[in-house]
Amino acid sequence: MKTTKNIFCMAAAAVVAFAGLTSCSDWTSPESVDINSPSVSGQFPELYKQYLQALRDYKASDHKVVIGWFDNSASFAGGQSDRLTALPDSLDAVVLMYPELVDQWEADEMHQIQTQKGTKVLYEIDYASMLDDWEETSAGNDTDASGSNAPETGGNDGFLDYMDACLDRLLPLCAQNGYDGIAVWYDPVNPAHLDEDMKALETARQTAFEARLREWLDASPDMMFILEGNSMHLLADKSILDDADFLVVRTENEEHISAVMTAVRDLAQEGVPADRFIPVASTTSSSNSSAGYLMLPDGTSVPAISETAWWVKSQETDIVKAGLGIYQIQRDYYGNDMDYAMSRAAITILNPSFNN
């Protein structure tokens, strides 16, 4: 079988023949530039077909994965940053942050990158947001005779019905809309320091939520499952951890690289598989000058995506870092030199040119 490197060079040769501008040496890494131009696929259909096959083979190989969290809240494609088809070709998976806001044009692009490029498309289910939404909508509705809104005892305060209704809508979307799986952000609360009523409440909530996850996992053995969070060691049902393809540690808001390292290493506890951790780094933001940067021990501020990628690439004795997550990846589209420059650089850091 041709090596991925050779296929990328062959595709580059086609671009050279077509445009006379690119050299093969620029294409020897899995993510130097995308070959996603209709002119290339039209002028060199067989070569482009081989390129896409090599891309799918690369994603099926043993490598450090890169997953992007994508804000799909745009109701129409106002620019390339809103388009799934503009994502880096070598991105392994993308998680849509708002599954119920997917329009037909997004669904079409989703299926295109799945079938052509082998990119996995998942969607996020956020337990904390579900709870926040319920608390907001139920505020003032549960007052007792004294005017307080203290929760009922026995673990039943109405949230379980709300949660079930949400999951009844969200979980079937995976099969209905052709997703490759789900990414669940879930941070169980440690009940050790709660009073008895709150302990019963939290235990009932978490038991019910984990039961729904277990039910979905049993019914969806071929679907991809990502578990996100920073307290996954508190799950009562540890089999959920065992069945997760990746354990994503939400470190995108950390300010120091040492804090990222600590957050991941601290999860290496009994009952938590240590061979599938993925830390998350944030893209930069025009509205938040601190987003997308990490502080080194010497006080130097560096881009979070590349710095986290270098750490993911380094070897550890007691944990395996399976890849990198990129939060709000669509914000990385605009760059001085090329689109998705930081994401492409991270992919190349983790998976430099290789031969099969």
Foldseek 3Di string as FASTA:
>chain_A
DFWLQVLQLVLQVLVCVVPVPDHSVQRQWPFSDDPPDPVSCVVPVVSLQVNLVSLLVVLVDQFFAEEEEAAQQDLDPPDPLNAPLSPGLNHQEYEYADLVSDDPVNLVRQVVSCVRRVHAYAYEDEPVVLVVVVCVVCPPVQADPVRDNDADAQQDRPSLVSVVVVCVPPLVCCVVSVGQAYEYEDAQDDLPPPPRRVSSNSVSVLVSVVVVLVVSCVVCVRGAYEYEEQHVVPRPPLVSQVSHQAYEYECQPPAAVVVQVCSLVVQLDPSHAQEHYEYEHECADPVDRSGQWHAYPVGDIDGRLQVVLLVLQDDDDRHHHRHYYYYNQSVQQDDDPGGSVSVSVSSCSRTPRDTD
